[in-house]
C-alpha cells in the first residue's frame, strides 16, 4: 500500500461518510465486500519532529485512530505517520 495512493481507486462520492461535527478535521470513507469492511481516512498529521529534541515524535504524541463497533470498550486503535511505522492494537473481527 502506498499511503498517498490508497484511496485513488475508491468511488469517494459513494464511500464518503458525512461528518457529525460542525468543523471536521478529516474525511472518512467506507467500503465493504462479503468478507470485510474497509475504512479510509484522509487527514493531516500536524505533529512536527522539530519540536522534539531528538527529532523523534513519541508514540503518545502520534495521531491515534480509534474504531469501535458493537460492544462498548472493544476497539481497534491505530497510530499512524509522524515518520514512524504504523502500529495497531485490538482484535481482528471475523464472522
N, C-alpha and C. Protein backbone atom coordinates (compact mmCIF):
# COMPACT_ATOMS: atom_id res chain seq x y z
N UNK A 1 0.84 -1.18 0.00
CA UNK A 1 0.00 0.00 0.00
C UNK A 1 0.88 1.24 0.00
N UNK A 2 0.53 2.19 -0.81
CA UNK A 2 1.20 3.49 -0.83
C UNK A 2 0.23 4.50 -0.21
N UNK A 3 0.58 5.09 0.95
CA UNK A 3 -0.38 5.96 1.64
C UNK A 3 -1.03 7.04 0.78
N UNK A 4 -0.27 7.71 -0.06
CA UNK A 4 -0.85 8.80 -0.84
C UNK A 4 -1.72 8.30 -1.99
N UNK A 5 -1.69 7.00 -2.27
CA UNK A 5 -2.49 6.43 -3.36
C UNK A 5 -3.55 5.46 -2.86
N UNK A 6 -3.65 5.26 -1.56
CA UNK A 6 -4.54 4.23 -1.01
C UNK A 6 -6.00 4.40 -1.41
N UNK A 7 -6.48 5.62 -1.52
CA UNK A 7 -7.89 5.86 -1.86
C UNK A 7 -8.09 6.22 -3.34
N UNK A 8 -7.04 6.13 -4.12
CA UNK A 8 -7.09 6.57 -5.51
C UNK A 8 -8.21 5.91 -6.31
N UNK A 9 -8.41 4.61 -6.16
CA UNK A 9 -9.39 3.89 -6.96
C UNK A 9 -10.75 3.74 -6.29
N UNK A 10 -10.92 4.35 -5.14
CA UNK A 10 -12.21 4.27 -4.45
C UNK A 10 -13.20 5.23 -5.12
N UNK A 11 -14.48 4.87 -5.09
CA UNK A 11 -15.55 5.78 -5.50
C UNK A 11 -15.82 6.66 -4.28
N UNK A 12 -15.06 7.75 -4.20
CA UNK A 12 -15.10 8.55 -2.98
C UNK A 12 -16.44 9.25 -2.75
N UNK A 13 -17.21 9.52 -3.79
CA UNK A 13 -18.52 10.13 -3.58
C UNK A 13 -19.46 9.16 -2.87
N UNK A 14 -19.46 7.91 -3.30
CA UNK A 14 -20.34 6.91 -2.69
C UNK A 14 -19.83 6.45 -1.33
N UNK A 15 -18.51 6.45 -1.14
CA UNK A 15 -17.92 5.93 0.09
C UNK A 15 -17.85 6.96 1.21
N UNK A 16 -18.07 8.23 0.89
CA UNK A 16 -17.92 9.31 1.88
C UNK A 16 -18.93 9.18 3.01
N UNK A 17 -18.46 9.31 4.23
CA UNK A 17 -19.31 9.30 5.42
C UNK A 17 -19.45 10.75 5.88
N UNK A 18 -20.68 11.24 5.90
CA UNK A 18 -20.90 12.63 6.30
C UNK A 18 -20.49 12.84 7.75
N UNK A 19 -19.79 13.94 8.04
CA UNK A 19 -19.35 14.20 9.42
C UNK A 19 -20.53 14.59 10.31
N UNK A 20 -20.37 14.30 11.59
CA UNK A 20 -21.38 14.71 12.56
C UNK A 20 -20.98 15.98 13.28
N UNK A 21 -19.70 16.34 13.21
CA UNK A 21 -19.25 17.57 13.87
C UNK A 21 -19.35 18.75 12.91
N UNK A 22 -19.45 19.93 13.48
CA UNK A 22 -19.61 21.14 12.67
C UNK A 22 -18.35 21.47 11.88
N UNK A 23 -17.18 21.23 12.47
CA UNK A 23 -15.91 21.54 11.82
C UNK A 23 -15.01 20.30 11.79
N UNK A 24 -15.27 19.36 10.88
CA UNK A 24 -14.48 18.13 10.84
C UNK A 24 -13.03 18.39 10.46
N UNK A 25 -12.14 17.57 10.99
CA UNK A 25 -10.71 17.69 10.71
C UNK A 25 -10.21 16.62 9.75
N UNK A 26 -11.09 15.73 9.30
CA UNK A 26 -10.69 14.66 8.40
C UNK A 26 -11.91 14.19 7.61
N UNK A 27 -11.65 13.42 6.57
CA UNK A 27 -12.72 12.79 5.79
C UNK A 27 -12.66 11.29 6.02
N UNK A 28 -13.82 10.68 6.23
CA UNK A 28 -13.91 9.24 6.45
C UNK A 28 -14.65 8.61 5.27
N UNK A 29 -14.12 7.47 4.83
CA UNK A 29 -14.72 6.73 3.73
C UNK A 29 -14.91 5.29 4.18
N UNK A 30 -15.96 4.64 3.66
CA UNK A 30 -16.22 3.24 4.00
C UNK A 30 -16.59 2.46 2.74
N UNK A 31 -16.10 1.25 2.68
CA UNK A 31 -16.41 0.34 1.59
C UNK A 31 -16.46 -1.06 2.19
N UNK A 32 -17.06 -2.01 1.49
CA UNK A 32 -17.15 -3.34 2.04
C UNK A 32 -17.24 -4.39 0.94
N UNK A 33 -16.97 -5.60 1.34
CA UNK A 33 -17.16 -6.76 0.50
C UNK A 33 -17.89 -7.79 1.35
N UNK A 34 -18.07 -8.99 0.84
CA UNK A 34 -18.73 -10.03 1.62
C UNK A 34 -17.90 -10.42 2.84
N UNK A 35 -16.59 -10.23 2.79
CA UNK A 35 -15.71 -10.70 3.86
C UNK A 35 -15.12 -9.61 4.74
N UNK A 36 -15.24 -8.35 4.35
CA UNK A 36 -14.54 -7.31 5.13
C UNK A 36 -15.19 -5.95 4.97
N UNK A 37 -14.91 -5.10 5.93
CA UNK A 37 -15.26 -3.68 5.86
C UNK A 37 -13.94 -2.93 5.77
N UNK A 38 -13.87 -1.95 4.87
CA UNK A 38 -12.66 -1.17 4.68
C UNK A 38 -12.95 0.28 5.04
N UNK A 39 -12.10 0.85 5.86
CA UNK A 39 -12.24 2.25 6.23
C UNK A 39 -11.06 3.01 5.66
N UNK A 40 -11.34 4.19 5.13
CA UNK A 40 -10.30 5.06 4.62
C UNK A 40 -10.39 6.40 5.33
N UNK A 41 -9.27 6.93 5.72
CA UNK A 41 -9.22 8.21 6.44
C UNK A 41 -8.29 9.14 5.71
N UNK A 42 -8.77 10.33 5.40
CA UNK A 42 -7.94 11.34 4.78
C UNK A 42 -7.82 12.49 5.77
N UNK A 43 -6.63 12.67 6.31
CA UNK A 43 -6.42 13.73 7.31
C UNK A 43 -4.98 14.22 7.24
N UNK A 44 -4.68 15.20 8.05
CA UNK A 44 -3.32 15.71 8.14
C UNK A 44 -2.78 15.47 9.54
N UNK A 45 -1.53 15.06 9.59
CA UNK A 45 -0.85 14.88 10.87
C UNK A 45 0.07 16.08 11.03
N UNK A 46 -0.28 16.98 11.93
CA UNK A 46 0.47 18.25 12.02
C UNK A 46 1.57 18.24 13.07
N UNK A 47 1.87 17.07 13.62
CA UNK A 47 2.95 16.99 14.60
C UNK A 47 4.28 17.14 13.87
N UNK A 48 5.10 18.05 14.34
CA UNK A 48 6.40 18.32 13.72
C UNK A 48 7.52 17.74 14.57
N UNK A 49 8.42 16.98 13.95
CA UNK A 49 9.54 16.42 14.70
C UNK A 49 10.50 17.50 15.19
N UNK A 50 10.42 18.68 14.61
CA UNK A 50 11.30 19.79 15.02
C UNK A 50 11.03 20.23 16.47
N UNK A 51 9.86 19.89 16.99
CA UNK A 51 9.52 20.26 18.37
C UNK A 51 10.18 19.36 19.40
N UNK A 52 10.82 18.28 18.95
CA UNK A 52 11.40 17.30 19.86
C UNK A 52 12.92 17.34 19.77
N UNK A 53 13.55 17.28 20.91
CA UNK A 53 15.00 17.40 20.99
C UNK A 53 15.71 16.35 20.13
N UNK A 54 15.24 15.11 20.16
CA UNK A 54 15.90 14.07 19.38
C UNK A 54 15.28 13.88 17.99
N UNK A 55 14.35 14.77 17.61
CA UNK A 55 13.69 14.76 16.30
C UNK A 55 12.84 13.52 16.06
N UNK A 56 12.42 12.85 17.14
CA UNK A 56 11.55 11.68 17.04
C UNK A 56 10.27 11.96 17.81
N UNK A 57 9.14 11.81 17.13
CA UNK A 57 7.84 12.02 17.78
C UNK A 57 7.49 10.77 18.58
N UNK A 58 7.33 10.89 19.92
CA UNK A 58 6.99 9.70 20.71
C UNK A 58 5.61 9.17 20.34
N UNK A 59 5.41 7.88 20.54
CA UNK A 59 4.15 7.25 20.15
C UNK A 59 2.95 7.94 20.80
N UNK A 60 3.07 8.38 22.03
CA UNK A 60 1.95 9.02 22.73
C UNK A 60 1.50 10.32 22.04
N UNK A 61 2.38 10.96 21.28
CA UNK A 61 2.04 12.21 20.60
C UNK A 61 1.61 12.00 19.14
N UNK A 62 1.68 10.77 18.66
CA UNK A 62 1.27 10.49 17.29
C UNK A 62 -0.24 10.42 17.20
N UNK A 63 -0.77 10.70 16.02
CA UNK A 63 -2.21 10.63 15.80
C UNK A 63 -2.71 9.22 16.09
N UNK A 64 -3.86 9.12 16.75
CA UNK A 64 -4.44 7.81 17.04
C UNK A 64 -5.85 7.77 16.47
N UNK A 65 -6.13 6.70 15.75
CA UNK A 65 -7.45 6.49 15.16
C UNK A 65 -8.08 5.33 15.92
N UNK A 66 -9.27 5.57 16.49
CA UNK A 66 -9.96 4.55 17.28
C UNK A 66 -11.27 4.20 16.57
N UNK A 67 -11.44 2.91 16.27
CA UNK A 67 -12.65 2.44 15.61
C UNK A 67 -13.29 1.41 16.51
N UNK A 68 -14.56 1.66 16.86
CA UNK A 68 -15.27 0.69 17.70
C UNK A 68 -16.60 0.34 17.03
N UNK A 69 -16.92 -0.93 17.11
CA UNK A 69 -18.17 -1.43 16.53
C UNK A 69 -18.76 -2.40 17.54
N UNK A 70 -20.03 -2.22 17.81
CA UNK A 70 -20.68 -3.17 18.72
C UNK A 70 -20.50 -2.79 20.17
N UNK A 71 -20.03 -3.75 20.97
CA UNK A 71 -19.94 -3.57 22.41
C UNK A 71 -19.00 -2.44 22.81
N UNK A 72 -19.41 -1.61 23.77
CA UNK A 72 -18.51 -0.56 24.27
C UNK A 72 -17.24 -1.19 24.85
N UNK A 73 -16.14 -0.52 24.67
CA UNK A 73 -14.88 -1.00 25.23
C UNK A 73 -14.09 -1.90 24.30
N UNK A 74 -14.71 -2.34 23.22
CA UNK A 74 -13.99 -3.16 22.24
C UNK A 74 -13.67 -2.27 21.05
N UNK A 75 -12.39 -2.03 20.83
CA UNK A 75 -12.00 -1.10 19.78
C UNK A 75 -10.69 -1.54 19.14
N UNK A 76 -10.50 -1.07 17.95
CA UNK A 76 -9.22 -1.22 17.25
C UNK A 76 -8.59 0.16 17.26
N UNK A 77 -7.35 0.23 17.71
CA UNK A 77 -6.64 1.50 17.79
C UNK A 77 -5.43 1.46 16.87
N UNK A 78 -5.25 2.52 16.11
CA UNK A 78 -4.10 2.58 15.20
C UNK A 78 -3.42 3.93 15.34
N UNK A 79 -2.11 3.90 15.39
CA UNK A 79 -1.31 5.13 15.38
C UNK A 79 -0.62 5.18 14.03
N UNK A 80 -0.69 6.35 13.41
CA UNK A 80 -0.18 6.46 12.05
C UNK A 80 0.80 7.61 11.91
N UNK A 81 1.64 7.51 10.92
CA UNK A 81 2.53 8.53 10.42
C UNK A 81 3.54 9.08 11.42
N UNK A 82 3.81 10.37 11.38
CA UNK A 82 4.84 11.05 12.17
C UNK A 82 6.21 10.45 11.91
N UNK A 83 6.42 9.93 10.70
CA UNK A 83 7.71 9.38 10.34
C UNK A 83 8.03 8.04 10.98
N UNK A 84 7.06 7.43 11.62
CA UNK A 84 7.25 6.16 12.32
C UNK A 84 6.45 5.07 11.60
N UNK A 85 6.75 3.82 11.92
CA UNK A 85 5.94 2.73 11.40
C UNK A 85 4.58 2.75 12.06
N UNK A 86 3.53 2.42 11.32
CA UNK A 86 2.21 2.36 11.94
C UNK A 86 2.15 1.25 12.98
N UNK A 87 1.30 1.44 13.99
CA UNK A 87 1.10 0.41 15.00
C UNK A 87 -0.39 0.30 15.27
N UNK A 88 -0.82 -0.90 15.68
CA UNK A 88 -2.24 -1.08 15.98
C UNK A 88 -2.40 -2.07 17.12
N UNK A 89 -3.53 -1.94 17.81
CA UNK A 89 -3.91 -2.87 18.86
C UNK A 89 -5.39 -3.17 18.68
N UNK A 90 -5.84 -4.23 19.26
CA UNK A 90 -7.24 -4.61 19.14
C UNK A 90 -7.34 -5.99 18.54
N UNK A 91 -8.53 -6.42 18.32
CA UNK A 91 -8.69 -7.76 17.78
C UNK A 91 -9.26 -7.70 16.37
N UNK A 92 -8.92 -8.68 15.59
CA UNK A 92 -9.44 -8.81 14.25
C UNK A 92 -10.87 -9.32 14.35
N UNK A 93 -11.78 -8.66 13.70
CA UNK A 93 -13.18 -9.06 13.74
C UNK A 93 -13.48 -9.99 12.56
N UNK A 94 -13.99 -11.14 12.85
CA UNK A 94 -14.36 -12.10 11.79
C UNK A 94 -15.73 -12.66 12.09
N UNK A 95 -16.41 -13.06 11.02
CA UNK A 95 -17.73 -13.67 11.22
C UNK A 95 -17.63 -15.17 11.23
